[in-house]
């Protein structure tokens, strides 16, 4: 089947190239040229198939490794964890850490410790790059902070149920924060949203 396909491809290629001698060539000479070109096409196809297989193996191996610890990568997963979108096991899998299974004997035995470390690193990134968000989590036990956090999260739930999504400005609106719509305001609102999720869903905030 592969040989037939290669021969057919060679014939079409000869016609496509519009070679001036193709009409004058004898059937024997034409068959010889088609066979030669078909052989080249088969070799190229085989190389392409091998390269595709090698690339697939490389991608498969890469996906099983830990995700690169790029700046902010751990902070992103920390935010998702706080919002309850990932539990600890899902967080591990997102990070490329395979939780240990006693049934199969496969996986990383200290996966919980590794995930906790990555979450702590995410918190360190937050402290260094988002001081307003860090301050909200530092003062997470203050009644006014907790009140705004609950409002932000409840507003998020309301908007998501109504519209299927929640605009970034809405948690700040429900929390009654200042500087709505600004970068500073979004940082504050998103921090209140995360804290509110931790309070209501009883998720350790990693603070």
N, C-alpha and C. Protein backbone atom coordinates (compact mmCIF):
# COMPACT_ATOMS: atom_id res chain seq x y z
N UNK A 1 0.83 -1.20 0.00
CA UNK A 1 0.00 0.00 0.00
C UNK A 1 0.87 1.25 0.00
N UNK A 2 1.95 1.24 0.84
CA UNK A 2 2.85 2.39 0.91
C UNK A 2 3.55 2.60 -0.40
N UNK A 3 3.96 1.48 -1.06
CA UNK A 3 4.63 1.55 -2.36
C UNK A 3 3.72 2.15 -3.41
N UNK A 4 2.43 1.72 -3.44
CA UNK A 4 1.46 2.25 -4.39
C UNK A 4 1.27 3.75 -4.20
N UNK A 5 1.16 4.17 -2.94
CA UNK A 5 0.97 5.59 -2.63
C UNK A 5 2.17 6.41 -3.08
N UNK A 6 3.37 5.87 -2.86
CA UNK A 6 4.59 6.57 -3.25
C UNK A 6 4.68 6.70 -4.75
N UNK A 7 4.31 5.64 -5.47
CA UNK A 7 4.34 5.66 -6.93
C UNK A 7 3.35 6.67 -7.48
N UNK A 8 2.14 6.66 -6.90
CA UNK A 8 1.12 7.62 -7.32
C UNK A 8 1.58 9.05 -7.05
N UNK A 9 2.19 9.25 -5.90
CA UNK A 9 2.69 10.59 -5.57
C UNK A 9 3.78 11.02 -6.54
N UNK A 10 4.63 10.07 -6.93
CA UNK A 10 5.70 10.38 -7.88
C UNK A 10 5.13 10.78 -9.23
N UNK A 11 4.10 10.04 -9.69
CA UNK A 11 3.47 10.36 -10.97
C UNK A 11 2.87 11.76 -10.96
N UNK A 12 2.15 12.08 -9.88
CA UNK A 12 1.54 13.41 -9.77
C UNK A 12 2.60 14.49 -9.68
N UNK A 13 3.70 14.19 -9.02
CA UNK A 13 4.78 15.17 -8.90
C UNK A 13 5.41 15.45 -10.26
N UNK A 14 5.60 14.38 -11.06
CA UNK A 14 6.15 14.57 -12.40
C UNK A 14 5.23 15.47 -13.23
N UNK A 15 3.94 15.23 -13.14
CA UNK A 15 2.98 16.04 -13.89
C UNK A 15 2.96 17.48 -13.38
N UNK A 16 3.08 17.61 -12.06
CA UNK A 16 3.06 18.94 -11.44
C UNK A 16 4.28 19.76 -11.84
N UNK A 17 5.43 19.07 -11.96
CA UNK A 17 6.67 19.76 -12.33
C UNK A 17 6.67 20.18 -13.80
N UNK A 18 5.78 19.54 -14.58
CA UNK A 18 5.64 19.87 -16.01
C UNK A 18 6.99 19.76 -16.74
N UNK A 19 7.66 18.66 -16.53
CA UNK A 19 8.97 18.46 -17.16
C UNK A 19 8.81 18.38 -18.67
N UNK A 20 9.65 19.09 -19.43
CA UNK A 20 9.49 19.15 -20.88
C UNK A 20 9.71 17.82 -21.60
N UNK A 21 10.49 16.91 -20.99
CA UNK A 21 10.80 15.66 -21.67
C UNK A 21 9.85 14.53 -21.33
N UNK A 22 8.85 14.82 -20.49
CA UNK A 22 8.00 13.73 -20.01
C UNK A 22 7.14 13.13 -21.11
N UNK A 23 6.73 13.97 -22.08
CA UNK A 23 5.88 13.47 -23.16
C UNK A 23 6.68 12.67 -24.19
N UNK A 24 7.97 12.99 -24.30
CA UNK A 24 8.82 12.33 -25.29
C UNK A 24 9.48 11.06 -24.75
N UNK A 25 9.49 10.92 -23.42
CA UNK A 25 10.19 9.78 -22.81
C UNK A 25 9.49 8.47 -23.12
N UNK A 26 10.28 7.45 -23.29
CA UNK A 26 9.72 6.11 -23.52
C UNK A 26 9.08 5.61 -22.24
N UNK A 27 8.19 4.64 -22.39
CA UNK A 27 7.51 4.09 -21.22
C UNK A 27 8.51 3.48 -20.24
N UNK A 28 9.55 2.85 -20.79
CA UNK A 28 10.57 2.24 -19.91
C UNK A 28 11.30 3.32 -19.13
N UNK A 29 11.72 4.39 -19.85
CA UNK A 29 12.45 5.48 -19.19
C UNK A 29 11.57 6.19 -18.17
N UNK A 30 10.31 6.37 -18.51
CA UNK A 30 9.37 7.04 -17.61
C UNK A 30 9.15 6.20 -16.35
N UNK A 31 9.01 4.90 -16.54
CA UNK A 31 8.82 3.99 -15.40
C UNK A 31 10.04 4.01 -14.50
N UNK A 32 11.21 4.10 -15.11
CA UNK A 32 12.46 4.14 -14.34
C UNK A 32 12.54 5.42 -13.50
N UNK A 33 12.16 6.54 -14.09
CA UNK A 33 12.21 7.82 -13.37
C UNK A 33 11.16 7.87 -12.26
N UNK A 34 9.98 7.34 -12.56
CA UNK A 34 8.91 7.31 -11.54
C UNK A 34 9.33 6.44 -10.37
N UNK A 35 9.94 5.30 -10.67
CA UNK A 35 10.40 4.39 -9.61
C UNK A 35 11.47 5.06 -8.75
N UNK A 36 12.37 5.80 -9.40
CA UNK A 36 13.43 6.50 -8.66
C UNK A 36 12.85 7.57 -7.76
N UNK A 37 11.92 8.35 -8.29
CA UNK A 37 11.30 9.40 -7.48
C UNK A 37 10.44 8.81 -6.36
N UNK A 38 9.77 7.70 -6.65
CA UNK A 38 8.95 7.04 -5.63
C UNK A 38 9.83 6.56 -4.48
N UNK A 39 11.03 6.07 -4.81
CA UNK A 39 11.97 5.63 -3.77
C UNK A 39 12.37 6.80 -2.88
N UNK A 40 12.61 7.95 -3.49
CA UNK A 40 12.98 9.14 -2.72
C UNK A 40 11.82 9.55 -1.80
N UNK A 41 10.60 9.50 -2.32
CA UNK A 41 9.42 9.88 -1.52
C UNK A 41 9.24 8.93 -0.35
N UNK A 42 9.47 7.61 -0.60
CA UNK A 42 9.35 6.64 0.49
C UNK A 42 10.35 6.91 1.60
N UNK A 43 11.59 7.23 1.20
CA UNK A 43 12.63 7.52 2.19
C UNK A 43 12.29 8.76 3.00
N UNK A 44 11.79 9.79 2.32
CA UNK A 44 11.40 11.02 3.01
C UNK A 44 10.25 10.75 3.98
N UNK A 45 9.28 9.93 3.54
CA UNK A 45 8.14 9.60 4.38
C UNK A 45 8.58 8.85 5.63
N UNK A 46 9.51 7.89 5.44
CA UNK A 46 10.02 7.13 6.58
C UNK A 46 10.76 8.02 7.57
N UNK A 47 11.57 8.95 7.05
CA UNK A 47 12.28 9.88 7.93
C UNK A 47 11.31 10.77 8.69
N UNK A 48 10.28 11.23 7.98
CA UNK A 48 9.28 12.09 8.63
C UNK A 48 8.55 11.32 9.73
N UNK A 49 8.22 10.04 9.45
CA UNK A 49 7.53 9.22 10.44
C UNK A 49 8.41 9.01 11.68
N UNK A 50 9.70 8.72 11.44
CA UNK A 50 10.61 8.53 12.57
C UNK A 50 10.76 9.82 13.37
N UNK A 51 10.87 10.94 12.68
CA UNK A 51 11.00 12.23 13.37
C UNK A 51 9.76 12.55 14.19
N UNK A 52 8.58 12.21 13.62
CA UNK A 52 7.32 12.43 14.33
C UNK A 52 7.26 11.58 15.59
N UNK A 53 7.70 10.31 15.47
CA UNK A 53 7.70 9.42 16.63
C UNK A 53 8.66 9.92 17.70
N UNK A 54 9.84 10.39 17.27
CA UNK A 54 10.82 10.93 18.22
C UNK A 54 10.27 12.15 18.94
N UNK A 55 9.59 13.02 18.18
CA UNK A 55 9.01 14.22 18.78
C UNK A 55 7.91 13.86 19.77
N UNK A 56 7.10 12.86 19.42
CA UNK A 56 6.03 12.42 20.32
C UNK A 56 6.60 11.89 21.63
N UNK A 57 7.70 11.12 21.52
CA UNK A 57 8.35 10.59 22.73
C UNK A 57 8.91 11.71 23.58
N UNK A 58 9.50 12.70 22.92
CA UNK A 58 10.07 13.83 23.65
C UNK A 58 9.01 14.60 24.39
N UNK A 59 7.88 14.85 23.72
CA UNK A 59 6.78 15.57 24.36
C UNK A 59 6.21 14.77 25.51
N UNK A 60 6.07 13.45 25.33
CA UNK A 60 5.53 12.59 26.40
C UNK A 60 6.43 12.63 27.62
N UNK A 61 7.73 12.55 27.39
CA UNK A 61 8.68 12.58 28.51
C UNK A 61 8.67 13.94 29.18
N UNK A 62 8.54 15.01 28.36
CA UNK A 62 8.57 16.36 28.93
C UNK A 62 7.36 16.62 29.80
N UNK A 63 6.18 16.07 29.38
CA UNK A 63 4.96 16.33 30.13
C UNK A 63 4.97 15.63 31.47
N UNK A 64 5.77 14.57 31.60
CA UNK A 64 5.81 13.83 32.87
C UNK A 64 6.78 14.45 33.86
N UNK A 65 7.62 15.38 33.39
CA UNK A 65 8.56 16.03 34.29
C UNK A 65 7.88 17.17 35.03
N UNK A 66 8.57 17.67 36.05
CA UNK A 66 8.05 18.83 36.76
C UNK A 66 7.97 20.01 35.82
N UNK A 67 6.94 20.80 35.98
CA UNK A 67 6.84 22.03 35.20
C UNK A 67 8.00 22.94 35.59
N UNK A 68 8.53 23.70 34.61
CA UNK A 68 9.67 24.57 34.94
C UNK A 68 9.28 25.60 35.99
N UNK A 69 10.17 25.82 36.91
CA UNK A 69 9.89 26.77 37.98
C UNK A 69 10.17 28.19 37.51
N UNK A 70 9.37 28.64 36.56
CA UNK A 70 9.50 29.98 36.04
C UNK A 70 9.02 30.98 37.08
N UNK A 71 9.53 32.21 37.03
CA UNK A 71 9.07 33.22 37.99
C UNK A 71 7.55 33.38 37.91
N UNK A 72 6.89 33.25 39.02
CA UNK A 72 5.44 33.41 39.07
C UNK A 72 4.65 32.14 38.84
N UNK A 73 5.31 31.08 38.34
CA UNK A 73 4.59 29.83 38.07
C UNK A 73 4.00 29.25 39.35
N UNK A 74 4.80 29.26 40.41
CA UNK A 74 4.31 28.73 41.69
C UNK A 74 3.23 29.63 42.29
N UNK A 75 3.30 30.92 41.97
CA UNK A 75 2.28 31.85 42.47
C UNK A 75 0.94 31.59 41.80
N UNK A 76 0.98 31.27 40.51
CA UNK A 76 -0.26 30.96 39.79
C UNK A 76 -0.95 29.75 40.41
N UNK A 77 -0.18 28.69 40.68
CA UNK A 77 -0.79 27.49 41.25
C UNK A 77 -1.26 27.75 42.68
N UNK A 78 -0.57 28.63 43.39
CA UNK A 78 -1.03 29.02 44.74
C UNK A 78 -2.39 29.68 44.66
N UNK A 79 -2.59 30.58 43.70
CA UNK A 79 -3.88 31.25 43.54
C UNK A 79 -4.99 30.25 43.21
N UNK A 80 -4.70 29.30 42.32
CA UNK A 80 -5.70 28.30 41.96
C UNK A 80 -6.05 27.40 43.14
N UNK A 81 -5.04 27.11 43.95
CA UNK A 81 -5.26 26.29 45.15
C UNK A 81 -6.15 27.04 46.14
N UNK A 82 -5.86 28.31 46.36
CA UNK A 82 -6.66 29.12 47.28
C UNK A 82 -8.11 29.24 46.83
N UNK A 83 -8.32 29.30 45.53
CA UNK A 83 -9.68 29.45 45.00
C UNK A 83 -10.44 28.13 44.98
N UNK A 84 -9.77 27.05 45.38
CA UNK A 84 -10.45 25.76 45.44
C UNK A 84 -10.57 25.08 44.09
N UNK A 85 -9.86 25.59 43.08
CA UNK A 85 -9.93 24.97 41.76
C UNK A 85 -9.06 23.71 41.70
N UNK A 86 -8.02 23.67 42.52
CA UNK A 86 -7.16 22.49 42.62
C UNK A 86 -7.12 22.03 44.07
N UNK A 87 -7.31 20.73 44.31
CA UNK A 87 -6.99 20.21 45.62
C UNK A 87 -5.50 19.87 45.62
N UNK A 88 -4.99 19.32 46.70
CA UNK A 88 -3.55 19.08 46.80
C UNK A 88 -3.06 18.11 45.72
N UNK A 89 -3.83 17.07 45.46
CA UNK A 89 -3.44 16.09 44.45
C UNK A 89 -3.46 16.71 43.05
N UNK A 90 -4.50 17.48 42.75
CA UNK A 90 -4.58 18.13 41.44
C UNK A 90 -3.47 19.16 41.27
N UNK A 91 -3.11 19.82 42.37
CA UNK A 91 -2.01 20.77 42.34
C UNK A 91 -0.72 20.06 41.98
N UNK A 92 -0.51 18.88 42.58
CA UNK A 92 0.69 18.09 42.28
C UNK A 92 0.73 17.73 40.81
N UNK A 93 -0.38 17.27 40.28
CA UNK A 93 -0.43 16.86 38.88
C UNK A 93 -0.20 18.04 37.96
N UNK A 94 -0.75 19.21 38.31
CA UNK A 94 -0.53 20.41 37.49
C UNK A 94 0.94 20.78 37.46
N UNK A 95 1.62 20.57 38.57
CA UNK A 95 3.04 20.87 38.67
C UNK A 95 3.91 19.79 38.05
N UNK A 96 3.30 18.69 37.62
CA UNK A 96 4.06 17.61 37.02
C UNK A 96 4.63 16.64 38.03
N UNK A 97 4.11 16.68 39.26
CA UNK A 97 4.54 15.77 40.31
C UNK A 97 3.51 14.64 40.42
N UNK A 98 3.96 13.41 40.27
CA UNK A 98 3.04 12.28 40.31
C UNK A 98 2.86 11.79 41.74
N UNK A 99 1.65 11.94 42.30
CA UNK A 99 1.41 11.44 43.66
C UNK A 99 1.65 9.94 43.77
N UNK A 100 2.21 9.53 44.87
CA UNK A 100 2.52 8.11 45.08
C UNK A 100 1.25 7.29 45.24
N UNK A 101 1.24 6.13 44.63
CA UNK A 101 0.11 5.20 44.75
C UNK A 101 0.60 3.91 45.41
N UNK A 102 -0.02 3.57 46.53
CA UNK A 102 0.37 2.34 47.22
C UNK A 102 -0.06 1.10 46.43
N UNK A 103 -1.06 1.25 45.55
CA UNK A 103 -1.54 0.12 44.76
C UNK A 103 -0.54 -0.26 43.67
N UNK A 104 0.00 0.76 43.01
CA UNK A 104 0.93 0.49 41.90
C UNK A 104 2.39 0.57 42.33
N UNK A 105 2.64 1.25 43.46
CA UNK A 105 4.01 1.44 43.90
C UNK A 105 4.75 2.48 43.09
N UNK A 106 4.01 3.24 42.28
CA UNK A 106 4.62 4.26 41.43
C UNK A 106 4.29 5.66 41.95
N UNK A 107 5.11 6.61 41.54
CA UNK A 107 4.87 8.00 41.94
C UNK A 107 5.91 8.49 42.93
N UNK A 108 5.75 9.73 43.34
CA UNK A 108 6.68 10.37 44.26
C UNK A 108 6.17 10.24 45.69
N UNK A 109 6.94 9.60 46.54
CA UNK A 109 6.49 9.35 47.91
C UNK A 109 6.30 10.64 48.71
N UNK A 110 7.20 11.60 48.52
CA UNK A 110 7.11 12.84 49.28
C UNK A 110 6.41 13.94 48.48
N UNK A 111 5.41 13.55 47.67
CA UNK A 111 4.76 14.51 46.78
C UNK A 111 4.07 15.63 47.55
N UNK A 112 3.50 15.32 48.73
CA UNK A 112 2.83 16.36 49.50
C UNK A 112 3.82 17.42 49.98
N UNK A 113 4.98 16.97 50.41
CA UNK A 113 6.02 17.90 50.86
C UNK A 113 6.51 18.77 49.71
N UNK A 114 6.63 18.16 48.53
CA UNK A 114 7.09 18.92 47.36
C UNK A 114 6.07 19.96 46.94
N UNK A 115 4.80 19.58 46.97
CA UNK A 115 3.75 20.53 46.61
C UNK A 115 3.70 21.67 47.62
N UNK A 116 3.79 21.34 48.90
CA UNK A 116 3.78 22.38 49.94
C UNK A 116 4.94 23.35 49.76
N UNK A 117 6.09 22.83 49.37
CA UNK A 117 7.25 23.68 49.13
C UNK A 117 7.00 24.63 47.97
N UNK A 118 6.40 24.12 46.90
CA UNK A 118 6.12 24.96 45.74
C UNK A 118 5.09 26.04 46.09
N UNK A 119 4.12 25.70 46.92
CA UNK A 119 3.12 26.68 47.34
C UNK A 119 3.77 27.76 48.20
N UNK A 120 4.69 27.36 49.06
CA UNK A 120 5.41 28.34 49.88
C UNK A 120 6.26 29.26 49.01
N UNK A 121 6.84 28.70 47.96
CA UNK A 121 7.62 29.52 47.04
C UNK A 121 6.71 30.51 46.30
N UNK A 122 5.49 30.06 46.01
CA UNK A 122 4.51 30.96 45.40
C UNK A 122 4.17 32.12 46.33
N UNK A 123 4.08 31.82 47.61
CA UNK A 123 3.81 32.86 48.61
C UNK A 123 4.98 33.84 48.69
N UNK A 124 6.19 33.33 48.61
CA UNK A 124 7.38 34.20 48.62
C UNK A 124 7.37 35.14 47.42
N UNK A 125 6.95 34.61 46.28
CA UNK A 125 6.85 35.44 45.08
C UNK A 125 5.80 36.53 45.28
N UNK A 126 4.69 36.17 45.90
CA UNK A 126 3.64 37.14 46.19
C UNK A 126 4.14 38.23 47.12
N UNK A 127 4.86 37.86 48.15
CA UNK A 127 5.39 38.84 49.11
C UNK A 127 6.32 39.83 48.43
N UNK A 128 7.09 39.35 47.45
CA UNK A 128 8.07 40.19 46.78
C UNK A 128 7.47 41.06 45.69
N UNK A 129 6.42 40.57 45.03
CA UNK A 129 5.90 41.25 43.85
C UNK A 129 4.51 41.86 44.01
N UNK A 130 3.76 41.40 45.00
CA UNK A 130 2.40 41.91 45.21
C UNK A 130 2.22 42.29 46.68
N UNK A 131 2.81 43.40 47.10
CA UNK A 131 2.78 43.77 48.52
C UNK A 131 1.38 44.03 49.07
N UNK A 132 0.48 44.53 48.24
CA UNK A 132 -0.89 44.80 48.72
C UNK A 132 -1.63 43.49 49.00
N UNK A 133 -1.46 42.53 48.10
CA UNK A 133 -2.07 41.21 48.32
C UNK A 133 -1.45 40.54 49.54
N UNK A 134 -0.14 40.67 49.68
CA UNK A 134 0.55 40.08 50.83
C UNK A 134 0.05 40.69 52.14
N UNK A 135 -0.21 42.01 52.12
CA UNK A 135 -0.69 42.69 53.33
C UNK A 135 -2.08 42.19 53.73
N UNK A 136 -2.91 41.89 52.73
CA UNK A 136 -4.26 41.39 53.03
C UNK A 136 -4.17 40.03 53.72
N UNK A 137 -3.28 39.17 53.25
CA UNK A 137 -3.14 37.86 53.88
C UNK A 137 -2.45 37.96 55.24
N UNK A 138 -1.58 38.94 55.40
CA UNK A 138 -0.94 39.16 56.70
C UNK A 138 -1.99 39.56 57.74
N UNK A 139 -2.97 40.35 57.31
CA UNK A 139 -4.03 40.85 58.21
C UNK A 139 -5.33 40.05 58.06
N UNK A 140 -5.21 38.78 57.67
CA UNK A 140 -6.38 37.95 57.37
C UNK A 140 -7.30 37.73 58.56
N UNK A 141 -6.82 37.93 59.80
CA UNK A 141 -7.67 37.71 60.97
C UNK A 141 -8.40 38.97 61.40
N UNK A 142 -8.11 40.10 60.74
CA UNK A 142 -8.78 41.35 61.09
C UNK A 142 -10.23 41.29 60.62
N UNK A 143 -11.20 41.65 61.47
CA UNK A 143 -12.62 41.54 61.11
C UNK A 143 -12.98 42.26 59.81
N UNK A 144 -12.45 43.46 59.61
CA UNK A 144 -12.78 44.23 58.39
C UNK A 144 -12.23 43.53 57.14
N UNK A 145 -11.06 42.97 57.26
CA UNK A 145 -10.45 42.25 56.13
C UNK A 145 -11.26 41.01 55.80
N UNK A 146 -11.66 40.27 56.81
CA UNK A 146 -12.43 39.05 56.61
C UNK A 146 -13.81 39.37 56.02
N UNK A 147 -14.39 40.49 56.45
CA UNK A 147 -15.70 40.89 55.94
C UNK A 147 -15.61 41.18 54.43
N UNK A 148 -14.60 41.93 54.03
CA UNK A 148 -14.42 42.26 52.61
C UNK A 148 -14.11 41.01 51.80
N UNK A 149 -13.34 40.11 52.39
CA UNK A 149 -12.98 38.87 51.70
C UNK A 149 -14.22 38.02 51.43
N UNK A 150 -15.09 37.92 52.42
CA UNK A 150 -16.32 37.14 52.24
C UNK A 150 -17.21 37.77 51.17
N UNK A 151 -17.30 39.10 51.19
CA UNK A 151 -18.11 39.79 50.19
C UNK A 151 -17.57 39.55 48.79
N UNK A 152 -16.25 39.62 48.65
CA UNK A 152 -15.63 39.42 47.34
C UNK A 152 -15.92 38.02 46.81
N UNK A 153 -15.79 37.01 47.67
CA UNK A 153 -16.00 35.65 47.20
C UNK A 153 -17.48 35.39 46.91
N UNK A 154 -18.37 35.89 47.76
CA UNK A 154 -19.80 35.70 47.52
C UNK A 154 -20.23 36.40 46.24
N UNK A 155 -19.66 37.58 45.99
CA UNK A 155 -19.94 38.28 44.74
C UNK A 155 -19.46 37.50 43.53
N UNK A 156 -18.30 36.89 43.68
CA UNK A 156 -17.75 36.04 42.61
C UNK A 156 -18.69 34.88 42.31
N UNK A 157 -19.19 34.24 43.35
CA UNK A 157 -20.11 33.11 43.18
C UNK A 157 -21.40 33.57 42.50
N UNK A 158 -21.94 34.71 42.94
CA UNK A 158 -23.17 35.25 42.37
C UNK A 158 -23.00 35.54 40.88
N UNK A 159 -21.92 36.24 40.54
CA UNK A 159 -21.67 36.61 39.14
C UNK A 159 -21.45 35.38 38.27
N UNK A 160 -20.75 34.41 38.80
CA UNK A 160 -20.48 33.19 38.03
C UNK A 160 -21.76 32.42 37.77
N UNK A 161 -22.64 32.37 38.75
CA UNK A 161 -23.93 31.68 38.56
C UNK A 161 -24.82 32.41 37.58
N UNK A 162 -24.78 33.73 37.62
CA UNK A 162 -25.63 34.53 36.74
C UNK A 162 -25.15 34.53 35.30
N UNK A 163 -23.84 34.70 35.12
CA UNK A 163 -23.30 34.93 33.79
C UNK A 163 -22.33 33.85 33.30
N UNK A 164 -22.01 32.89 34.16
CA UNK A 164 -21.07 31.86 33.77
C UNK A 164 -19.62 32.28 33.89
N UNK A 165 -19.40 33.49 34.32
CA UNK A 165 -18.06 34.03 34.51
C UNK A 165 -18.15 35.24 35.44
N UNK A 166 -16.98 35.71 35.88
CA UNK A 166 -16.96 36.88 36.76
C UNK A 166 -15.87 37.83 36.29
N UNK A 167 -16.25 39.04 35.96
CA UNK A 167 -15.29 40.05 35.55
C UNK A 167 -14.35 40.36 36.71
N UNK A 168 -13.09 40.66 36.38
CA UNK A 168 -12.09 40.92 37.41
C UNK A 168 -12.48 42.07 38.33
N UNK A 169 -13.25 43.00 37.84
CA UNK A 169 -13.61 44.16 38.66
C UNK A 169 -14.69 43.85 39.69
N UNK A 170 -15.47 42.80 39.45
CA UNK A 170 -16.63 42.54 40.31
C UNK A 170 -16.29 42.17 41.75
N UNK A 171 -15.27 41.33 42.01
CA UNK A 171 -14.94 41.06 43.43
C UNK A 171 -14.62 42.34 44.20
N UNK A 172 -13.93 43.27 43.53
CA UNK A 172 -13.64 44.56 44.17
C UNK A 172 -14.90 45.37 44.42
N UNK A 173 -15.85 45.28 43.50
CA UNK A 173 -17.13 45.98 43.66
C UNK A 173 -17.88 45.44 44.88
N UNK A 174 -17.94 44.13 44.99
CA UNK A 174 -18.65 43.52 46.13
C UNK A 174 -17.90 43.76 47.45
N UNK A 175 -16.58 43.78 47.37
CA UNK A 175 -15.79 44.01 48.59
C UNK A 175 -15.75 45.48 48.97
N UNK A 176 -16.22 46.35 48.05
CA UNK A 176 -16.25 47.80 48.28
C UNK A 176 -14.85 48.36 48.49
N UNK A 177 -13.97 47.97 47.57
CA UNK A 177 -12.60 48.49 47.64
C UNK A 177 -12.47 49.74 46.78
N UNK A 178 -11.40 50.48 47.00
CA UNK A 178 -11.12 51.66 46.19
C UNK A 178 -10.29 51.26 44.97
N UNK A 179 -10.07 52.21 44.09
CA UNK A 179 -9.22 52.02 42.89
C UNK A 179 -9.72 50.88 42.02
N UNK A 180 -11.05 50.77 41.85
CA UNK A 180 -11.59 49.72 40.99
C UNK A 180 -11.14 49.95 39.55
N UNK A 181 -10.80 48.87 38.85
CA UNK A 181 -10.41 48.97 37.46
C UNK A 181 -8.95 49.28 37.23
N UNK A 182 -8.21 49.62 38.28
CA UNK A 182 -6.78 49.88 38.15
C UNK A 182 -6.00 48.61 38.47
N UNK A 183 -4.72 48.61 38.11
CA UNK A 183 -3.88 47.45 38.41
C UNK A 183 -3.81 47.22 39.92
N UNK A 184 -3.69 48.31 40.65
CA UNK A 184 -3.65 48.23 42.11
C UNK A 184 -4.96 47.66 42.65
N UNK A 185 -6.08 48.16 42.10
CA UNK A 185 -7.39 47.70 42.55
C UNK A 185 -7.62 46.23 42.25
N UNK A 186 -7.14 45.77 41.08
CA UNK A 186 -7.31 44.36 40.71
C UNK A 186 -6.49 43.45 41.62
N UNK A 187 -5.29 43.91 41.99
CA UNK A 187 -4.45 43.14 42.91
C UNK A 187 -5.16 42.96 44.25
N UNK A 188 -5.72 44.05 44.75
CA UNK A 188 -6.42 44.02 46.04
C UNK A 188 -7.67 43.14 45.96
N UNK A 189 -8.46 43.34 44.90
CA UNK A 189 -9.71 42.59 44.75
C UNK A 189 -9.45 41.10 44.63
N UNK A 190 -8.43 40.74 43.86
CA UNK A 190 -8.14 39.32 43.65
C UNK A 190 -7.62 38.68 44.94
N UNK A 191 -6.91 39.45 45.73
CA UNK A 191 -6.44 38.93 47.02
C UNK A 191 -7.62 38.70 47.96
N UNK A 192 -8.55 39.66 48.00
CA UNK A 192 -9.75 39.48 48.83
C UNK A 192 -10.55 38.26 48.35
N UNK A 193 -10.64 38.09 47.03
CA UNK A 193 -11.36 36.94 46.48
C UNK A 193 -10.72 35.63 46.95
N UNK A 194 -9.41 35.54 46.87
CA UNK A 194 -8.71 34.32 47.30
C UNK A 194 -8.90 34.07 48.79
N UNK A 195 -8.76 35.13 49.57
CA UNK A 195 -8.91 34.97 51.02
C UNK A 195 -10.34 34.56 51.37
N UNK A 196 -11.31 35.17 50.68
CA UNK A 196 -12.71 34.81 50.92
C UNK A 196 -12.97 33.35 50.61
N UNK A 197 -12.36 32.85 49.53
CA UNK A 197 -12.50 31.44 49.18
C UNK A 197 -11.91 30.55 50.27
N UNK A 198 -10.75 30.96 50.78
CA UNK A 198 -10.11 30.18 51.85
C UNK A 198 -10.97 30.14 53.10
N UNK A 199 -11.58 31.28 53.44
CA UNK A 199 -12.43 31.37 54.64
C UNK A 199 -13.68 30.50 54.49
N UNK A 200 -14.37 30.68 53.37
CA UNK A 200 -15.65 30.01 53.18
C UNK A 200 -15.48 28.51 52.88
N UNK A 201 -14.45 28.17 52.11
CA UNK A 201 -14.23 26.76 51.78
C UNK A 201 -13.28 26.05 52.75
N UNK A 202 -12.80 26.83 53.75
CA UNK A 202 -11.90 26.29 54.76
C UNK A 202 -10.62 25.69 54.15
N UNK A 203 -10.00 26.49 53.31
CA UNK A 203 -8.74 26.11 52.66
C UNK A 203 -7.60 26.82 53.36
N UNK A 204 -6.56 26.13 53.78
CA UNK A 204 -5.41 26.82 54.38
C UNK A 204 -4.86 27.84 53.38
N UNK A 205 -4.74 29.12 53.76
CA UNK A 205 -4.38 30.16 52.80
C UNK A 205 -2.91 30.19 52.39
N UNK A 206 -2.05 29.43 53.06
CA UNK A 206 -0.60 29.49 52.80
C UNK A 206 -0.14 30.94 52.92
N UNK A 207 -0.19 31.45 54.12
CA UNK A 207 0.17 32.87 54.33
C UNK A 207 1.26 32.99 55.37
